[in-house]
């Protein structure tokens, strides 16, 4: 089962660069800055998506390691599940949910208890190509 209200949408891509060994997808909300820091809110981070993949299906199941070898980042605080977390901005102005996909020239080995910074550091220097999509979310109440 999926966490309440958090079924991942289908995502697709094409034209991966030559030499792609894996994909990394991060979905984040750049508006809030907890603790007045640079970090924003991570809604999904999945890495080592196979190089042969051209997308992810709707409803990717929760779990740290998936059947195809992909890994999902574990949550923290009140939501420790390794899974997609849908938009949940508070009432007020639009929040921009940023979807970033990177084609990498390697598979990542950030460790079992990796946090977002570990995954991003492991990907640094291995990016062959990137795609970006930004969607707005607004809650009135």
C-alpha atoms as a PDB file:
ATOM      1  CA  UNK A   1       0.000   0.000   0.000  1.00  0.00           C
ATOM      2  CA  UNK A   2       0.974   3.619  -0.569  1.00  0.00           C
ATOM      3  CA  UNK A   3       1.177   6.253   2.162  1.00  0.00           C
ATOM      4  CA  UNK A   4      -2.088   8.219   2.208  1.00  0.00           C
ATOM      5  CA  UNK A   5      -2.338  10.545  -0.786  1.00  0.00           C
ATOM      6  CA  UNK A   6       1.103   9.626  -2.018  1.00  0.00           C
ATOM      7  CA  UNK A   7       0.795   7.467  -5.119  1.00  0.00           C
ATOM      8  CA  UNK A   8       3.554   8.425  -7.505  1.00  0.00           C
ATOM      9  CA  UNK A   9       2.532   9.563 -10.982  1.00  0.00           C
ATOM     10  CA  UNK A  10       3.852   7.901 -14.120  1.00  0.00           C
ATOM     11  CA  UNK A  11       7.027   9.567 -15.388  1.00  0.00           C
ATOM     12  CA  UNK A  12       8.608   9.033 -18.805  1.00  0.00           C
ATOM     13  CA  UNK A  13      11.714  10.172 -20.640  1.00  0.00           C
ATOM     14  CA  UNK A  14      13.604   9.486 -23.841  1.00  0.00           C
ATOM     15  CA  UNK A  15      16.890  10.173 -25.626  1.00  0.00           C
ATOM     16  CA  UNK A  16      19.280   9.147 -22.858  1.00  0.00           C
ATOM     17  CA  UNK A  17      22.870  10.167 -23.577  1.00  0.00           C
ATOM     18  CA  UNK A  18      25.331   7.552 -24.792  1.00  0.00           C
ATOM     19  CA  UNK A  19      27.118   5.897 -21.886  1.00  0.00           C
ATOM     20  CA  UNK A  20      24.219   6.190 -19.437  1.00  0.00           C
ATOM     21  CA  UNK A  21      24.599   3.587 -16.677  1.00  0.00           C
ATOM     22  CA  UNK A  22      21.717   4.715 -14.422  1.00  0.00           C
ATOM     23  CA  UNK A  23      19.252   7.507 -13.739  1.00  0.00           C
ATOM     24  CA  UNK A  24      18.663   9.616 -10.641  1.00  0.00           C
ATOM     25  CA  UNK A  25      15.324  11.360 -10.017  1.00  0.00           C
ATOM     26  CA  UNK A  26      14.698  13.945  -7.329  1.00  0.00           C
ATOM     27  CA  UNK A  27      11.381  15.677  -6.661  1.00  0.00           C
ATOM     28  CA  UNK A  28      11.611  18.596  -4.292  1.00  0.00           C
ATOM     29  CA  UNK A  29       9.811  21.736  -3.134  1.00  0.00           C
ATOM     30  CA  UNK A  30      12.325  24.592  -3.151  1.00  0.00           C
ATOM     31  CA  UNK A  31      10.113  27.127  -1.324  1.00  0.00           C
ATOM     32  CA  UNK A  32      10.470  26.133   2.331  1.00  0.00           C
ATOM     33  CA  UNK A  33      13.847  26.302   4.001  1.00  0.00           C
ATOM     34  CA  UNK A  34      13.627  24.429   7.316  1.00  0.00           C
ATOM     35  CA  UNK A  35      15.859  25.921   9.984  1.00  0.00           C
ATOM     36  CA  UNK A  36      16.576  28.885   7.671  1.00  0.00           C
ATOM     37  CA  UNK A  37      19.018  26.679   5.776  1.00  0.00           C
ATOM     38  CA  UNK A  38      19.708  25.964   2.126  1.00  0.00           C
ATOM     39  CA  UNK A  39      17.996  22.579   2.165  1.00  0.00           C
ATOM     40  CA  UNK A  40      14.491  22.327   0.755  1.00  0.00           C
ATOM     41  CA  UNK A  41      11.853  19.600   1.109  1.00  0.00           C
ATOM     42  CA  UNK A  42      12.561  16.288  -0.643  1.00  0.00           C
ATOM     43  CA  UNK A  43       9.429  14.525  -1.898  1.00  0.00           C
ATOM     44  CA  UNK A  44      11.108  11.691  -3.760  1.00  0.00           C
ATOM     45  CA  UNK A  45      14.660  10.644  -4.414  1.00  0.00           C
ATOM     46  CA  UNK A  46      15.239   7.477  -6.385  1.00  0.00           C
ATOM     47  CA  UNK A  47      18.600   6.429  -7.794  1.00  0.00           C
ATOM     48  CA  UNK A  48      20.155   3.553  -9.748  1.00  0.00           C
ATOM     49  CA  UNK A  49      17.133   3.466 -12.022  1.00  0.00           C
ATOM     50  CA  UNK A  50      18.338   1.082 -14.772  1.00  0.00           C
ATOM     51  CA  UNK A  51      19.893   2.673 -17.859  1.00  0.00           C
ATOM     52  CA  UNK A  52      17.385   0.774 -20.011  1.00  0.00           C
ATOM     53  CA  UNK A  53      14.423   2.479 -18.302  1.00  0.00           C
ATOM     54  CA  UNK A  54      12.373   5.042 -20.170  1.00  0.00           C
ATOM     55  CA  UNK A  55      10.248   5.967 -17.181  1.00  0.00           C
ATOM     56  CA  UNK A  56       8.650   4.912 -13.943  1.00  0.00           C
ATOM     57  CA  UNK A  57       5.117   3.547 -13.684  1.00  0.00           C
ATOM     58  CA  UNK A  58       2.334   5.089 -11.676  1.00  0.00           C
ATOM     59  CA  UNK A  59       2.253   3.837  -8.122  1.00  0.00           C
ATOM     60  CA  UNK A  60       5.885   2.872  -7.481  1.00  0.00           C
ATOM     61  CA  UNK A  61       5.660   0.845  -4.289  1.00  0.00           C
ATOM     62  CA  UNK A  62       7.356   1.989  -1.089  1.00  0.00           C
ATOM     63  CA  UNK A  63      10.620   0.308  -0.182  1.00  0.00           C
ATOM     64  CA  UNK A  64      14.296   1.101   0.023  1.00  0.00           C
ATOM     65  CA  UNK A  65      15.380  -1.283  -2.735  1.00  0.00           C
ATOM     66  CA  UNK A  66      13.022  -2.058  -5.606  1.00  0.00           C
ATOM     67  CA  UNK A  67      12.886  -5.178  -7.783  1.00  0.00           C
ATOM     68  CA  UNK A  68      14.791  -3.465 -10.630  1.00  0.00           C
ATOM     69  CA  UNK A  69      17.654  -2.433  -8.304  1.00  0.00           C
ATOM     70  CA  UNK A  70      16.535   1.186  -7.894  1.00  0.00           C
ATOM     71  CA  UNK A  71      16.802   2.688  -4.406  1.00  0.00           C
ATOM     72  CA  UNK A  72      14.416   5.159  -2.776  1.00  0.00           C
ATOM     73  CA  UNK A  73      15.550   7.555  -0.085  1.00  0.00           C
ATOM     74  CA  UNK A  74      14.099   6.928   3.336  1.00  0.00           C
ATOM     75  CA  UNK A  75      12.026   9.734   4.800  1.00  0.00           C
ATOM     76  CA  UNK A  76      12.655  11.319   8.158  1.00  0.00           C
ATOM     77  CA  UNK A  77      10.709  12.635  11.099  1.00  0.00           C
ATOM     78  CA  UNK A  78       7.045  11.623  10.953  1.00  0.00           C
ATOM     79  CA  UNK A  79       7.396   9.918   7.559  1.00  0.00           C
ATOM     80  CA  UNK A  80      10.263   7.358   7.635  1.00  0.00           C
ATOM     81  CA  UNK A  81       8.978   5.381   4.623  1.00  0.00           C
ATOM     82  CA  UNK A  82      11.157   5.111   1.508  1.00  0.00           C
ATOM     83  CA  UNK A  83       8.552   6.280  -1.005  1.00  0.00           C
ATOM     84  CA  UNK A  84       7.136   9.137  -3.056  1.00  0.00           C
ATOM     85  CA  UNK A  85       5.486  11.893  -1.012  1.00  0.00           C
ATOM     86  CA  UNK A  86       2.916  13.967  -2.874  1.00  0.00           C
ATOM     87  CA  UNK A  87       2.548  17.754  -2.700  1.00  0.00           C
ATOM     88  CA  UNK A  88       1.485  19.007   0.723  1.00  0.00           C
ATOM     89  CA  UNK A  89       2.244  22.726   0.763  1.00  0.00           C
ATOM     90  CA  UNK A  90       0.411  24.794   3.361  1.00  0.00           C
ATOM     91  CA  UNK A  91      -2.315  27.224   2.280  1.00  0.00           C
ATOM     92  CA  UNK A  92      -0.908  30.337   0.658  1.00  0.00           C
ATOM     93  CA  UNK A  93       1.165  31.070  -2.415  1.00  0.00           C
ATOM     94  CA  UNK A  94       2.042  28.475  -5.032  1.00  0.00           C
ATOM     95  CA  UNK A  95       4.845  26.052  -4.318  1.00  0.00           C
ATOM     96  CA  UNK A  96       7.006  24.911  -7.228  1.00  0.00           C
ATOM     97  CA  UNK A  97       7.543  21.153  -7.220  1.00  0.00           C
ATOM     98  CA  UNK A  98      10.735  20.543  -9.159  1.00  0.00           C
ATOM     99  CA  UNK A  99      11.336  17.202 -10.897  1.00  0.00           C
ATOM    100  CA  UNK A 100      14.968  16.705 -11.911  1.00  0.00           C
ATOM    101  CA  UNK A 101      16.198  13.665 -13.804  1.00  0.00           C
ATOM    102  CA  UNK A 102      19.892  13.000 -14.346  1.00  0.00           C
ATOM    103  CA  UNK A 103      21.509  10.440 -16.627  1.00  0.00           C
ATOM    104  CA  UNK A 104      24.653   9.182 -14.901  1.00  0.00           C
ATOM    105  CA  UNK A 105      27.746   7.404 -16.178  1.00  0.00           C
ATOM    106  CA  UNK A 106      27.767   5.087 -13.147  1.00  0.00           C
ATOM    107  CA  UNK A 107      25.601   3.368 -10.565  1.00  0.00           C
ATOM    108  CA  UNK A 108      25.706   5.060  -7.177  1.00  0.00           C
ATOM    109  CA  UNK A 109      26.881   3.466  -3.931  1.00  0.00           C
ATOM    110  CA  UNK A 110      25.999   6.073  -1.286  1.00  0.00           C
ATOM    111  CA  UNK A 111      25.418   3.509   1.503  1.00  0.00           C
ATOM    112  CA  UNK A 112      22.369   1.927   3.103  1.00  0.00           C
ATOM    113  CA  UNK A 113      21.614   4.857   5.423  1.00  0.00           C
ATOM    114  CA  UNK A 114      22.278   7.535   2.818  1.00  0.00           C
ATOM    115  CA  UNK A 115      20.709  10.940   3.155  1.00  0.00           C
ATOM    116  CA  UNK A 116      20.006  13.272   0.239  1.00  0.00           C
ATOM    117  CA  UNK A 117      23.409  14.974   0.557  1.00  0.00           C
ATOM    118  CA  UNK A 118      25.177  11.587   0.297  1.00  0.00           C
ATOM    119  CA  UNK A 119      23.321  10.680  -2.892  1.00  0.00           C
ATOM    120  CA  UNK A 120      23.958  14.065  -4.468  1.00  0.00           C
ATOM    121  CA  UNK A 121      27.654  13.940  -3.544  1.00  0.00           C
ATOM    122  CA  UNK A 122      27.927  10.454  -5.089  1.00  0.00           C
ATOM    123  CA  UNK A 123      26.321  11.755  -8.315  1.00  0.00           C
ATOM    124  CA  UNK A 124      28.575  14.812  -8.536  1.00  0.00           C
ATOM    125  CA  UNK A 125      30.960  14.436 -11.461  1.00  0.00           C
ATOM    126  CA  UNK A 126      28.902  11.667 -13.114  1.00  0.00           C
ATOM    127  CA  UNK A 127      26.115  13.642 -14.838  1.00  0.00           C
ATOM    128  CA  UNK A 128      25.862  13.035 -18.586  1.00  0.00           C
ATOM    129  CA  UNK A 129      22.559  14.811 -19.132  1.00  0.00           C
ATOM    130  CA  UNK A 130      19.631  16.333 -17.272  1.00  0.00           C
ATOM    131  CA  UNK A 131      15.949  17.126 -17.647  1.00  0.00           C
ATOM    132  CA  UNK A 132      13.801  19.439 -15.546  1.00  0.00           C
ATOM    133  CA  UNK A 133      10.057  19.861 -15.071  1.00  0.00           C
ATOM    134  CA  UNK A 134       8.418  22.267 -12.621  1.00  0.00           C
ATOM    135  CA  UNK A 135       4.797  21.992 -11.545  1.00  0.00           C
ATOM    136  CA  UNK A 136       2.898  24.398  -9.296  1.00  0.00           C
ATOM    137  CA  UNK A 137       0.776  23.309  -6.358  1.00  0.00           C
ATOM    138  CA  UNK A 138      -1.576  25.578  -4.447  1.00  0.00           C
ATOM    139  CA  UNK A 139      -3.786  24.721  -1.503  1.00  0.00           C
ATOM    140  CA  UNK A 140      -6.518  27.170  -0.568  1.00  0.00           C
ATOM    141  CA  UNK A 141      -7.413  25.750   2.847  1.00  0.00           C
END
